[in-house]
């Protein structure tokens, strides 16, 4: 099984009178995700389904990426903020598919990915609009995964042809030119820890 962990795009700040649940993507966030979707398309990434947190900013992210990749998306309450690996495993048990994209929040996504690959979650940095790929052999459970790709938002924007993104910062990923076009493989060279843990 291949899992893609995609953090939602840039969203409105929390403010008085606005529930966290209802925070929507900003115009910048929408524009960035449209370019990110183009990068995913160029990389040949096409999951069987996209499962998204029911929060507005996550659903809007899936609604941009799904049609761009021609992939259906569904809400999954398990992916709300506070999602744990056990919640994810119960969710995956209902979807016996080969490739699934999960749209959700931090620190949940990086924490679940880290548990799957038996790593320290502080070593996985997932910015808004960033992507982690984990490959799992056999039945999904803690420690059975392998980190095969980590792309920062800047990397994805550069892959989409957005030269204004500049040089990407953060974890470096080596993409194999021998990888089939429908896969993303890589090896994290460095995964610095930062404090961007907002959902």
C-alpha atoms as a PDB file:
ATOM      1  CA  UNK A   1       0.000   0.000   0.000  1.00  0.00           C
ATOM      2  CA  UNK A   2       1.111   3.552  -0.762  1.00  0.00           C
ATOM      3  CA  UNK A   3      -0.088   6.420   1.413  1.00  0.00           C
ATOM      4  CA  UNK A   4       0.271  10.085   0.488  1.00  0.00           C
ATOM      5  CA  UNK A   5      -0.095  12.493   3.414  1.00  0.00           C
ATOM      6  CA  UNK A   6      -1.055  15.941   2.092  1.00  0.00           C
ATOM      7  CA  UNK A   7      -1.430  18.820   4.509  1.00  0.00           C
ATOM      8  CA  UNK A   8      -4.174  21.310   3.686  1.00  0.00           C
ATOM      9  CA  UNK A   9      -3.258  24.619   2.075  1.00  0.00           C
ATOM     10  CA  UNK A  10      -2.820  28.060   3.627  1.00  0.00           C
ATOM     11  CA  UNK A  11      -5.989  28.950   5.530  1.00  0.00           C
ATOM     12  CA  UNK A  12      -7.557  31.851   7.348  1.00  0.00           C
ATOM     13  CA  UNK A  13      -6.228  32.631  10.805  1.00  0.00           C
ATOM     14  CA  UNK A  14      -8.382  31.803  13.760  1.00  0.00           C
ATOM     15  CA  UNK A  15     -10.360  34.823  14.947  1.00  0.00           C
ATOM     16  CA  UNK A  16     -13.229  35.723  17.218  1.00  0.00           C
ATOM     17  CA  UNK A  17     -16.466  34.392  15.824  1.00  0.00           C
ATOM     18  CA  UNK A  18     -14.786  31.953  13.408  1.00  0.00           C
ATOM     19  CA  UNK A  19     -14.782  28.321  14.473  1.00  0.00           C
ATOM     20  CA  UNK A  20     -11.607  26.382  13.721  1.00  0.00           C
ATOM     21  CA  UNK A  21     -13.830  23.935  11.802  1.00  0.00           C
ATOM     22  CA  UNK A  22     -14.913  26.710   9.424  1.00  0.00           C
ATOM     23  CA  UNK A  23     -11.525  28.242   8.594  1.00  0.00           C
ATOM     24  CA  UNK A  24     -11.317  28.375   4.788  1.00  0.00           C
ATOM     25  CA  UNK A  25      -8.399  28.503   2.378  1.00  0.00           C
ATOM     26  CA  UNK A  26      -7.130  31.956   1.546  1.00  0.00           C
ATOM     27  CA  UNK A  27      -6.814  33.119  -2.061  1.00  0.00           C
ATOM     28  CA  UNK A  28      -3.083  32.480  -1.757  1.00  0.00           C
ATOM     29  CA  UNK A  29      -3.763  29.006  -0.430  1.00  0.00           C
ATOM     30  CA  UNK A  30      -6.093  28.168  -3.306  1.00  0.00           C
ATOM     31  CA  UNK A  31      -3.648  29.455  -5.927  1.00  0.00           C
ATOM     32  CA  UNK A  32      -0.779  27.514  -4.365  1.00  0.00           C
ATOM     33  CA  UNK A  33      -2.780  24.291  -4.287  1.00  0.00           C
ATOM     34  CA  UNK A  34      -3.752  24.663  -7.934  1.00  0.00           C
ATOM     35  CA  UNK A  35      -0.045  24.766  -8.799  1.00  0.00           C
ATOM     36  CA  UNK A  36       0.654  21.917  -6.379  1.00  0.00           C
ATOM     37  CA  UNK A  37      -1.996  19.805  -8.101  1.00  0.00           C
ATOM     38  CA  UNK A  38      -0.270  20.510 -11.415  1.00  0.00           C
ATOM     39  CA  UNK A  39       3.016  19.286  -9.918  1.00  0.00           C
ATOM     40  CA  UNK A  40       1.360  16.092  -8.662  1.00  0.00           C
ATOM     41  CA  UNK A  41      -0.054  15.537 -12.117  1.00  0.00           C
ATOM     42  CA  UNK A  42       3.395  15.990 -13.682  1.00  0.00           C
ATOM     43  CA  UNK A  43       4.806  13.476 -11.198  1.00  0.00           C
ATOM     44  CA  UNK A  44       2.182  10.952 -12.257  1.00  0.00           C
ATOM     45  CA  UNK A  45       0.666  10.728  -8.783  1.00  0.00           C
ATOM     46  CA  UNK A  46      -2.856   9.356  -9.019  1.00  0.00           C
ATOM     47  CA  UNK A  47      -4.247   7.685  -5.901  1.00  0.00           C
ATOM     48  CA  UNK A  48      -7.303   5.456  -6.020  1.00  0.00           C
ATOM     49  CA  UNK A  49      -9.133   7.769  -3.651  1.00  0.00           C
ATOM     50  CA  UNK A  50      -8.553  10.919  -1.595  1.00  0.00           C
ATOM     51  CA  UNK A  51      -9.802  10.819   1.998  1.00  0.00           C
ATOM     52  CA  UNK A  52     -10.115  14.188   3.681  1.00  0.00           C
ATOM     53  CA  UNK A  53     -10.775  15.650   7.084  1.00  0.00           C
ATOM     54  CA  UNK A  54     -14.269  17.183   7.188  1.00  0.00           C
ATOM     55  CA  UNK A  55     -12.891  20.592   8.211  1.00  0.00           C
ATOM     56  CA  UNK A  56     -13.507  23.268   5.577  1.00  0.00           C
ATOM     57  CA  UNK A  57      -9.866  23.985   4.720  1.00  0.00           C
ATOM     58  CA  UNK A  58      -9.123  20.292   4.219  1.00  0.00           C
ATOM     59  CA  UNK A  59     -12.251  19.658   2.130  1.00  0.00           C
ATOM     60  CA  UNK A  60     -11.386  22.643  -0.056  1.00  0.00           C
ATOM     61  CA  UNK A  61      -7.885  21.233  -0.525  1.00  0.00           C
ATOM     62  CA  UNK A  62      -9.299  17.885  -1.648  1.00  0.00           C
ATOM     63  CA  UNK A  63     -11.783  19.679  -3.905  1.00  0.00           C
ATOM     64  CA  UNK A  64      -8.872  21.324  -5.752  1.00  0.00           C
ATOM     65  CA  UNK A  65      -6.502  18.371  -5.923  1.00  0.00           C
ATOM     66  CA  UNK A  66      -9.094  15.637  -6.605  1.00  0.00           C
ATOM     67  CA  UNK A  67     -10.529  16.983  -9.877  1.00  0.00           C
ATOM     68  CA  UNK A  68      -7.050  17.995 -11.080  1.00  0.00           C
ATOM     69  CA  UNK A  69      -5.891  14.381 -10.687  1.00  0.00           C
ATOM     70  CA  UNK A  70      -9.269  12.975 -11.788  1.00  0.00           C
ATOM     71  CA  UNK A  71      -9.582  11.178  -8.448  1.00  0.00           C
ATOM     72  CA  UNK A  72     -12.720  10.999  -6.259  1.00  0.00           C
ATOM     73  CA  UNK A  73     -12.560  12.363  -2.727  1.00  0.00           C
ATOM     74  CA  UNK A  74     -14.546  11.482   0.374  1.00  0.00           C
ATOM     75  CA  UNK A  75     -14.843  12.944   3.854  1.00  0.00           C
ATOM     76  CA  UNK A  76     -13.503  10.865   6.720  1.00  0.00           C
ATOM     77  CA  UNK A  77     -14.280  11.958  10.268  1.00  0.00           C
ATOM     78  CA  UNK A  78     -11.269   9.990  11.466  1.00  0.00           C
ATOM     79  CA  UNK A  79      -8.981  12.625   9.908  1.00  0.00           C
ATOM     80  CA  UNK A  80     -10.225  15.488  12.087  1.00  0.00           C
ATOM     81  CA  UNK A  81      -7.595  17.208  14.261  1.00  0.00           C
ATOM     82  CA  UNK A  82      -6.459  14.833  16.969  1.00  0.00           C
ATOM     83  CA  UNK A  83      -6.380  11.809  14.651  1.00  0.00           C
ATOM     84  CA  UNK A  84      -4.154   9.005  15.942  1.00  0.00           C
ATOM     85  CA  UNK A  85      -2.594   6.094  14.099  1.00  0.00           C
ATOM     86  CA  UNK A  86      -5.235   3.707  15.487  1.00  0.00           C
ATOM     87  CA  UNK A  87      -7.931   5.944  13.972  1.00  0.00           C
ATOM     88  CA  UNK A  88      -6.130   5.880  10.629  1.00  0.00           C
ATOM     89  CA  UNK A  89      -5.739   2.100  10.685  1.00  0.00           C
ATOM     90  CA  UNK A  90      -9.476   1.653  11.303  1.00  0.00           C
ATOM     91  CA  UNK A  91     -10.164   3.996   8.410  1.00  0.00           C
ATOM     92  CA  UNK A  92      -7.800   2.164   6.063  1.00  0.00           C
ATOM     93  CA  UNK A  93      -9.438  -1.161   6.929  1.00  0.00           C
ATOM     94  CA  UNK A  94     -12.541   0.107   5.122  1.00  0.00           C
ATOM     95  CA  UNK A  95     -10.572   0.947   1.976  1.00  0.00           C
ATOM     96  CA  UNK A  96      -8.729  -2.119   0.638  1.00  0.00           C
ATOM     97  CA  UNK A  97      -7.033  -0.049  -2.057  1.00  0.00           C
ATOM     98  CA  UNK A  98      -3.455   0.150  -3.275  1.00  0.00           C
ATOM     99  CA  UNK A  99      -2.897   3.923  -3.175  1.00  0.00           C
ATOM    100  CA  UNK A 100      -4.642   6.430  -0.898  1.00  0.00           C
ATOM    101  CA  UNK A 101      -4.122  10.155  -0.363  1.00  0.00           C
ATOM    102  CA  UNK A 102      -4.965  11.567   3.064  1.00  0.00           C
ATOM    103  CA  UNK A 103      -5.705  15.279   3.463  1.00  0.00           C
ATOM    104  CA  UNK A 104      -5.510  16.525   7.005  1.00  0.00           C
ATOM    105  CA  UNK A 105      -3.759  18.510   9.680  1.00  0.00           C
ATOM    106  CA  UNK A 106      -0.600  18.895  11.679  1.00  0.00           C
ATOM    107  CA  UNK A 107       0.814  17.536  13.844  1.00  0.00           C
ATOM    108  CA  UNK A 108      -1.373  14.498  13.133  1.00  0.00           C
ATOM    109  CA  UNK A 109      -0.180  13.651   9.617  1.00  0.00           C
ATOM    110  CA  UNK A 110       3.543  13.729  10.395  1.00  0.00           C
ATOM    111  CA  UNK A 111       2.955  11.882  13.662  1.00  0.00           C
ATOM    112  CA  UNK A 112       1.074   9.047  11.947  1.00  0.00           C
ATOM    113  CA  UNK A 113       3.626   8.812   9.146  1.00  0.00           C
ATOM    114  CA  UNK A 114       6.445   8.703  11.709  1.00  0.00           C
ATOM    115  CA  UNK A 115       4.777   5.879  13.632  1.00  0.00           C
ATOM    116  CA  UNK A 116       4.303   3.910  10.432  1.00  0.00           C
ATOM    117  CA  UNK A 117       8.018   4.153   9.617  1.00  0.00           C
ATOM    118  CA  UNK A 118       9.120   3.784  13.251  1.00  0.00           C
ATOM    119  CA  UNK A 119      10.743   7.215  13.357  1.00  0.00           C
ATOM    120  CA  UNK A 120      10.824  10.241  15.624  1.00  0.00           C
ATOM    121  CA  UNK A 121       7.956  12.488  14.531  1.00  0.00           C
ATOM    122  CA  UNK A 122      10.121  15.539  15.223  1.00  0.00           C
ATOM    123  CA  UNK A 123      12.175  14.544  12.188  1.00  0.00           C
ATOM    124  CA  UNK A 124       9.257  14.931   9.783  1.00  0.00           C
ATOM    125  CA  UNK A 125       8.353  18.499   8.855  1.00  0.00           C
ATOM    126  CA  UNK A 126       5.129  18.931   6.901  1.00  0.00           C
ATOM    127  CA  UNK A 127       4.355  22.483   5.860  1.00  0.00           C
ATOM    128  CA  UNK A 128       0.950  23.571   4.568  1.00  0.00           C
ATOM    129  CA  UNK A 129       0.589  22.022   1.117  1.00  0.00           C
ATOM    130  CA  UNK A 130       3.512  19.631   1.696  1.00  0.00           C
ATOM    131  CA  UNK A 131       3.481  15.917   0.891  1.00  0.00           C
ATOM    132  CA  UNK A 132       4.824  12.751   2.536  1.00  0.00           C
ATOM    133  CA  UNK A 133       4.736   9.340   0.889  1.00  0.00           C
ATOM    134  CA  UNK A 134       4.926   6.110   2.881  1.00  0.00           C
ATOM    135  CA  UNK A 135       4.962   2.608   1.407  1.00  0.00           C
ATOM    136  CA  UNK A 136       3.680  -0.251   3.531  1.00  0.00           C
ATOM    137  CA  UNK A 137       4.310  -3.948   3.101  1.00  0.00           C
ATOM    138  CA  UNK A 138       1.500  -6.183   4.264  1.00  0.00           C
ATOM    139  CA  UNK A 139      -1.239  -5.069   6.618  1.00  0.00           C
ATOM    140  CA  UNK A 140      -0.823  -1.438   7.714  1.00  0.00           C
ATOM    141  CA  UNK A 141       0.515  -1.126  11.240  1.00  0.00           C
ATOM    142  CA  UNK A 142       3.161   0.751  13.195  1.00  0.00           C
ATOM    143  CA  UNK A 143       6.700   0.108  11.993  1.00  0.00           C
ATOM    144  CA  UNK A 144       5.759  -1.554   8.726  1.00  0.00           C
ATOM    145  CA  UNK A 145       6.150   1.502   6.530  1.00  0.00           C
ATOM    146  CA  UNK A 146       9.045   2.977   4.584  1.00  0.00           C
ATOM    147  CA  UNK A 147       9.440   6.687   3.884  1.00  0.00           C
ATOM    148  CA  UNK A 148       9.756   6.976   0.111  1.00  0.00           C
ATOM    149  CA  UNK A 149       9.192  10.670  -0.467  1.00  0.00           C
ATOM    150  CA  UNK A 150       8.904  14.027   1.238  1.00  0.00           C
ATOM    151  CA  UNK A 151       8.231  17.158  -0.785  1.00  0.00           C
ATOM    152  CA  UNK A 152       8.003  20.657   0.632  1.00  0.00           C
ATOM    153  CA  UNK A 153       5.521  23.155  -0.829  1.00  0.00           C
ATOM    154  CA  UNK A 154       8.417  25.022  -2.471  1.00  0.00           C
ATOM    155  CA  UNK A 155       9.635  21.833  -4.141  1.00  0.00           C
ATOM    156  CA  UNK A 156       6.158  21.150  -5.492  1.00  0.00           C
ATOM    157  CA  UNK A 157       5.805  24.707  -6.793  1.00  0.00           C
ATOM    158  CA  UNK A 158       9.149  24.415  -8.589  1.00  0.00           C
ATOM    159  CA  UNK A 159       8.039  21.117 -10.112  1.00  0.00           C
ATOM    160  CA  UNK A 160       4.922  22.906 -11.326  1.00  0.00           C
ATOM    161  CA  UNK A 161       7.157  25.402 -13.098  1.00  0.00           C
ATOM    162  CA  UNK A 162       6.736  28.229 -10.590  1.00  0.00           C
ATOM    163  CA  UNK A 163      10.185  29.865 -10.657  1.00  0.00           C
ATOM    164  CA  UNK A 164       9.061  32.483  -8.128  1.00  0.00           C
ATOM    165  CA  UNK A 165       9.279  29.785  -5.456  1.00  0.00           C
ATOM    166  CA  UNK A 166      13.067  30.143  -5.426  1.00  0.00           C
ATOM    167  CA  UNK A 167      15.307  27.467  -4.001  1.00  0.00           C
ATOM    168  CA  UNK A 168      13.305  25.016  -1.897  1.00  0.00           C
ATOM    169  CA  UNK A 169      14.226  24.877   1.772  1.00  0.00           C
ATOM    170  CA  UNK A 170      13.678  22.003   4.178  1.00  0.00           C
ATOM    171  CA  UNK A 171      14.080  18.253   3.744  1.00  0.00           C
ATOM    172  CA  UNK A 172      15.727  17.264   0.481  1.00  0.00           C
ATOM    173  CA  UNK A 173      14.321  14.423  -1.573  1.00  0.00           C
ATOM    174  CA  UNK A 174      16.157  12.554  -4.286  1.00  0.00           C
ATOM    175  CA  UNK A 175      13.735  11.474  -6.994  1.00  0.00           C
ATOM    176  CA  UNK A 176      14.798   8.485  -9.009  1.00  0.00           C
ATOM    177  CA  UNK A 177      14.659   8.934 -12.780  1.00  0.00           C
ATOM    178  CA  UNK A 178      14.199   5.182 -13.028  1.00  0.00           C
ATOM    179  CA  UNK A 179      10.994   5.243 -11.020  1.00  0.00           C
ATOM    180  CA  UNK A 180       7.832   4.428 -12.997  1.00  0.00           C
ATOM    181  CA  UNK A 181       5.817   7.564 -13.789  1.00  0.00           C
ATOM    182  CA  UNK A 182       3.018   6.687 -11.367  1.00  0.00           C
ATOM    183  CA  UNK A 183       5.293   6.606  -8.342  1.00  0.00           C
ATOM    184  CA  UNK A 184       7.305   9.003  -6.259  1.00  0.00           C
ATOM    185  CA  UNK A 185      10.377   7.611  -4.618  1.00  0.00           C
ATOM    186  CA  UNK A 186      13.000   9.309  -2.603  1.00  0.00           C
ATOM    187  CA  UNK A 187      15.281   9.293   0.361  1.00  0.00           C
ATOM    188  CA  UNK A 188      15.219  12.015   2.964  1.00  0.00           C
ATOM    189  CA  UNK A 189      18.695  13.445   3.349  1.00  0.00           C
ATOM    190  CA  UNK A 190      17.840  15.839   6.146  1.00  0.00           C
ATOM    191  CA  UNK A 191      14.690  16.443   8.118  1.00  0.00           C
ATOM    192  CA  UNK A 192      15.147  19.446  10.403  1.00  0.00           C
ATOM    193  CA  UNK A 193      12.610  20.060  13.116  1.00  0.00           C
ATOM    194  CA  UNK A 194      10.698  23.297  13.297  1.00  0.00           C
ATOM    195  CA  UNK A 195       7.755  24.499  15.343  1.00  0.00           C
ATOM    196  CA  UNK A 196       5.087  24.839  12.653  1.00  0.00           C
ATOM    197  CA  UNK A 197       2.599  22.562  14.371  1.00  0.00           C
ATOM    198  CA  UNK A 198      -0.555  24.542  13.683  1.00  0.00           C
ATOM    199  CA  UNK A 199      -3.381  22.475  12.270  1.00  0.00           C
END
